[in-house]
Amino acid sequence: MRILVSNDDGVYSPGIHALARVAQGYGDVRLVAPDVEQSAMGHAITVRRPLHYHRTPIEGIEAYRVDGTPADAVALGTHHWDKVDLVVSGINLGLNIGHNIWHSGTVGAAKQAAFLGIPAIAFSGPVDEDPIDYAVYEPYIREVIDLMLDIGDLPLLNVNFPIAPKGMRWTRQSVRHYDGYLIPGEDPKGRTHYWFSEEPREQVEEGTDRWAIEQGFVSLNPIRLDLTDDLRLERALRKTQRH
């Protein structure tokens, strides 16, 4: 079995090394990731310049760094390594739940694999002030990979870890609306700069990824590539057919 490991935090991130070590228990592993952090890049791809692919062995694992986005890394990784069976992305330094899925580079890397017809899992965890003990997550990573292989028809799975997991739950994506605003500040040269911030309008719904994390469970959220709103499409078709 061939497993390609990628992320958006960069090839030297501790999270990707932890994920690669677990993946080694399933077969041949190759790590291909951006050479620097590419957080919040979503599914961006590089089209205005050439990309470079450099061998960078890490901790005894065959590894390559790419001067591009997470999706670029997966595209190049699968180009240089035929017949990849599974792509795993992460472990991201920060949760990718709710609307964060839209702009997550970690999920973007997994989506790129799914577009290529390769099953993929995106793994993300919390950011804590203390160093994260990734060994706590390893049994859950193995269980998730086993589930993915056993179910067989899951093209894309988004997984999030709480700080201290007490189990796993299948979830749906949390969809909340936000009031966004800007916080002005001043840099050392006296120039005004801005931070984006937001406040949620709704409470957390039970059964969502956000709810699972707040309850201390690992969230397993199957997602899809087709963004069509089937219900509203059907309503629109019925309405227009009346005229």
Protein backbone atom coordinates (compact mmCIF):
# COMPACT_ATOMS: atom_id res chain seq x y z
CA MET A 1 0.00 0.00 0.00
CA ARG A 2 1.26 3.48 -0.88
CA ILE A 3 0.35 6.43 1.35
CA LEU A 4 1.21 10.01 0.47
CA VAL A 5 1.39 12.41 3.42
CA SER A 6 0.99 16.17 3.01
CA ASN A 7 -0.12 19.27 4.95
CA ASP A 8 -0.31 23.08 4.88
CA ASP A 9 2.00 23.82 7.82
CA GLY A 10 5.14 22.90 5.91
CA VAL A 11 7.40 19.92 5.50
CA TYR A 12 9.08 20.49 8.87
CA SER A 13 5.90 20.63 10.97
CA PRO A 14 5.80 18.14 13.89
CA GLY A 15 2.22 17.23 13.01
CA ILE A 16 3.11 15.83 9.60
CA HIS A 17 5.93 13.75 11.07
CA ALA A 18 3.55 12.20 13.61
CA LEU A 19 1.07 11.36 10.86
CA ALA A 20 3.78 9.88 8.65
CA ARG A 21 5.04 7.65 11.46
CA VAL A 22 1.58 6.14 11.94
CA ALA A 23 1.12 5.73 8.18
CA GLN A 24 4.32 3.68 8.01
CA GLY A 25 2.44 0.87 9.75
CA TYR A 26 0.28 0.46 6.63
CA GLY A 27 2.88 0.32 3.86
CA ASP A 28 5.18 2.57 1.88
CA VAL A 29 5.05 6.23 2.89
CA ARG A 30 6.20 9.34 1.06
CA LEU A 31 5.96 12.82 2.52
CA VAL A 32 5.36 15.68 0.06
CA ALA A 33 4.51 19.10 1.50
CA PRO A 34 5.03 22.84 1.05
CA ASP A 35 8.49 24.13 1.97
CA VAL A 36 6.95 26.87 4.14
CA GLU A 37 3.65 27.36 5.95
CA GLN A 38 0.67 27.69 3.60
CA SER A 39 -2.19 27.97 6.07
CA ALA A 40 -5.60 29.19 4.83
CA MET A 41 -4.63 28.63 1.19
CA GLY A 42 -7.71 26.51 0.60
CA HIS A 43 -7.53 24.66 -2.71
CA ALA A 44 -5.35 27.29 -4.39
CA ILE A 45 -3.03 26.07 -7.15
CA THR A 46 -0.02 27.79 -8.71
CA VAL A 47 -0.52 28.75 -12.36
CA ARG A 48 1.66 31.84 -12.94
CA ARG A 49 5.10 30.33 -12.33
CA PRO A 50 6.86 26.94 -12.38
CA LEU A 51 7.09 24.74 -9.30
CA HIS A 52 10.10 22.97 -7.81
CA TYR A 53 10.25 19.55 -6.18
CA HIS A 54 13.24 18.87 -3.90
CA ARG A 55 14.12 15.66 -2.05
CA THR A 56 14.39 16.29 1.70
CA PRO A 57 14.55 13.02 3.71
CA ILE A 58 13.17 13.52 7.24
CA GLU A 59 13.53 11.09 10.14
CA GLY A 60 14.22 8.21 7.78
CA ILE A 61 11.11 8.95 5.69
CA GLU A 62 11.33 9.67 1.98
CA ALA A 63 10.27 13.31 1.81
CA TYR A 64 10.03 16.14 -0.71
CA ARG A 65 9.38 19.86 -0.36
CA VAL A 66 7.43 21.93 -2.87
CA ASP A 67 7.57 25.72 -3.28
CA GLY A 68 3.82 25.90 -3.75
CA THR A 69 0.46 25.30 -2.12
CA PRO A 70 -0.81 22.16 -0.34
CA ALA A 71 -2.80 21.21 -3.45
CA ASP A 72 0.36 21.71 -5.54
CA ALA A 73 2.23 19.35 -3.23
CA VAL A 74 -0.33 16.58 -3.63
CA ALA A 75 -0.48 17.07 -7.40
CA LEU A 76 3.31 16.83 -7.70
CA GLY A 77 3.54 14.01 -5.18
CA THR A 78 1.09 11.81 -7.07
CA HIS A 79 2.74 12.72 -10.37
CA HIS A 80 6.12 11.46 -9.16
CA TRP A 81 4.75 8.40 -7.33
CA ASP A 82 2.41 6.14 -9.30
CA LYS A 83 -0.55 4.28 -7.85
CA VAL A 84 -0.97 6.09 -4.53
CA ASP A 85 -3.67 4.28 -2.54
CA LEU A 86 -4.38 6.88 0.15
CA VAL A 87 -3.51 10.50 0.90
CA VAL A 88 -3.46 11.77 4.48
CA SER A 89 -3.08 15.47 5.23
CA GLY A 90 -2.09 17.11 8.53
CA ILE A 91 -1.95 17.00 11.44
CA ASN A 92 -2.84 20.67 11.10
CA LEU A 93 -1.86 23.12 13.82
CA GLY A 94 -5.40 24.37 14.40
CA LEU A 95 -8.89 22.95 14.05
CA ASN A 96 -10.63 22.83 10.67
CA ILE A 97 -14.29 22.69 11.64
CA GLY A 98 -17.35 24.55 10.42
CA HIS A 99 -16.66 27.31 7.90
CA ASN A 100 -12.90 26.79 8.28
CA ILE A 101 -13.23 23.84 5.91
CA TRP A 102 -13.73 26.33 3.08
CA HIS A 103 -10.32 27.96 3.39
CA SER A 104 -8.26 25.18 4.99
CA GLY A 105 -5.08 24.26 3.12
CA THR A 106 -5.05 20.94 5.00
CA VAL A 107 -8.48 20.06 3.62
CA GLY A 108 -7.42 21.53 0.25
CA ALA A 109 -4.59 19.00 0.00
CA ALA A 110 -7.02 16.17 0.73
CA LYS A 111 -9.52 17.56 -1.79
CA GLN A 112 -6.83 17.60 -4.47
CA ALA A 113 -6.31 13.89 -3.90
CA ALA A 114 -10.06 13.23 -4.05
CA PHE A 115 -10.26 15.11 -7.37
CA LEU A 116 -7.58 12.73 -8.63
CA GLY A 117 -9.67 9.74 -7.56
CA ILE A 118 -7.55 8.92 -4.48
CA PRO A 119 -9.27 8.51 -1.08
CA ALA A 120 -8.06 11.15 1.35
CA ILE A 121 -8.24 12.12 5.02
CA ALA A 122 -7.55 15.57 6.47
CA PHE A 123 -6.43 15.56 10.13
CA SER A 124 -6.43 18.69 12.32
CA GLY A 125 -5.86 19.39 15.99
CA PRO A 126 -6.01 22.27 18.45
CA VAL A 127 -3.32 24.87 19.00
CA ASP A 128 -2.19 24.85 22.61
CA GLU A 129 0.34 26.92 24.53
CA ASP A 130 2.15 23.73 25.56
CA PRO A 131 3.76 21.37 23.02
CA ILE A 132 1.18 18.90 21.73
CA ASP A 133 1.74 15.24 22.59
CA TYR A 134 0.89 13.68 19.24
CA ALA A 135 1.27 10.19 20.70
CA VAL A 136 -2.19 10.71 22.27
CA TYR A 137 -3.67 10.93 18.77
CA GLU A 138 -1.90 7.93 17.25
CA PRO A 139 -4.48 5.26 18.27
CA TYR A 140 -7.25 7.43 16.80
CA ILE A 141 -5.29 7.99 13.58
CA ARG A 142 -4.95 4.24 13.17
CA GLU A 143 -8.64 3.71 13.93
CA VAL A 144 -9.65 6.35 11.38
CA ILE A 145 -7.43 4.86 8.67
CA ASP A 146 -8.81 1.39 9.45
CA LEU A 147 -12.37 2.74 9.15
CA MET A 148 -11.55 4.45 5.87
CA LEU A 149 -10.12 1.25 4.42
CA ASP A 150 -12.95 -0.89 5.77
CA ILE A 151 -15.81 1.31 4.54
CA GLY A 152 -14.18 1.61 1.14
CA ASP A 153 -16.41 4.27 -0.46
CA LEU A 154 -15.41 7.37 1.54
CA PRO A 155 -13.63 9.63 -0.92
CA LEU A 156 -12.95 12.49 1.51
CA LEU A 157 -12.97 12.59 5.30
CA ASN A 158 -12.31 15.57 7.59
CA VAL A 159 -11.07 14.61 11.07
CA ASN A 160 -10.51 16.94 14.04
CA PHE A 161 -8.97 16.16 17.43
CA PRO A 162 -9.79 17.80 20.76
CA ILE A 163 -6.94 18.28 23.23
CA ALA A 164 -7.75 15.11 25.21
CA PRO A 165 -9.96 12.76 23.15
CA LYS A 166 -12.39 10.45 24.94
CA GLY A 167 -13.82 8.75 21.86
CA MET A 168 -14.94 9.38 18.29
CA ARG A 169 -18.17 10.60 16.72
CA TRP A 170 -19.46 10.79 13.15
CA THR A 171 -20.57 14.37 12.59
CA ARG A 172 -21.86 16.86 10.06
CA GLN A 173 -20.28 20.22 9.31
CA SER A 174 -21.19 23.03 11.67
CA VAL A 175 -22.75 25.89 9.71
CA ARG A 176 -22.96 29.14 11.65
CA HIS A 177 -23.29 32.72 10.47
CA TYR A 178 -20.83 35.29 11.74
CA ASP A 179 -20.70 39.02 12.32
CA GLY A 180 -17.31 39.96 10.93
CA TYR A 181 -15.42 43.08 11.89
CA LEU A 182 -11.97 44.65 11.64
CA ILE A 183 -9.66 45.50 14.53
CA PRO A 184 -7.28 48.36 13.68
CA GLY A 185 -3.77 48.50 15.09
CA GLU A 186 -0.45 50.16 14.49
CA ASP A 187 2.85 48.59 13.41
CA PRO A 188 6.28 49.67 14.75
CA LYS A 189 6.58 52.25 11.95
CA GLY A 190 3.31 53.93 12.87
CA ARG A 191 1.35 52.52 9.96
CA THR A 192 -2.23 51.38 10.50
CA HIS A 193 -2.93 47.69 10.00
CA TYR A 194 -6.01 45.52 10.49
CA TRP A 195 -6.91 42.13 11.92
CA PHE A 196 -10.01 40.25 10.80
CA SER A 197 -12.20 38.93 13.62
CA GLU A 198 -15.71 37.55 14.01
CA GLU A 199 -18.43 36.58 16.44
CA PRO A 200 -20.89 33.70 15.86
CA ARG A 201 -24.59 34.46 15.74
CA GLU A 202 -25.90 30.98 16.58
CA GLN A 203 -25.24 28.38 19.26
CA VAL A 204 -23.46 25.10 18.59
CA GLU A 205 -25.76 22.39 17.20
CA GLU A 206 -25.57 18.87 18.59
CA GLY A 207 -24.14 16.35 16.13
CA THR A 208 -21.84 18.83 14.40
CA ASP A 209 -18.06 18.83 14.25
CA ARG A 210 -17.89 21.83 16.58
CA TRP A 211 -20.18 20.13 19.10
CA ALA A 212 -18.05 16.96 19.08
CA ILE A 213 -14.86 18.92 19.78
CA GLU A 214 -16.51 20.82 22.65
CA GLN A 215 -17.66 17.49 24.12
CA GLY A 216 -14.13 16.02 23.88
CA PHE A 217 -14.74 13.68 20.93
CA VAL A 218 -12.73 13.22 17.76
CA SER A 219 -14.94 14.49 14.92
CA LEU A 220 -15.25 12.41 11.73
CA ASN A 221 -17.02 14.42 9.03
CA PRO A 222 -17.42 12.94 5.51
CA ILE A 223 -17.40 15.78 2.98
CA ARG A 224 -17.95 15.84 -0.77
CA LEU A 225 -16.65 17.60 -3.84
CA ASP A 226 -20.08 18.46 -5.26
CA LEU A 227 -21.18 21.74 -3.67
CA THR A 228 -24.57 21.76 -5.36
CA ASP A 229 -27.49 22.53 -3.05
CA ASP A 230 -29.74 19.76 -4.38
CA LEU A 231 -32.82 20.82 -2.43
CA ARG A 232 -32.72 24.42 -3.65
CA LEU A 233 -31.87 23.29 -7.17
CA GLU A 234 -34.99 21.12 -7.18
CA ARG A 235 -37.11 24.00 -5.86
CA ALA A 236 -35.72 26.38 -8.48
CA LEU A 237 -36.44 23.90 -11.27
CA ARG A 238 -40.01 23.39 -10.09
CA LYS A 239 -40.60 27.13 -9.84
CA THR A 240 -39.22 27.92 -13.28
CA GLN A 241 -41.14 25.06 -14.89
CA ARG A 242 -44.40 26.71 -13.80
CA HIS A 243 -43.66 29.78 -15.92
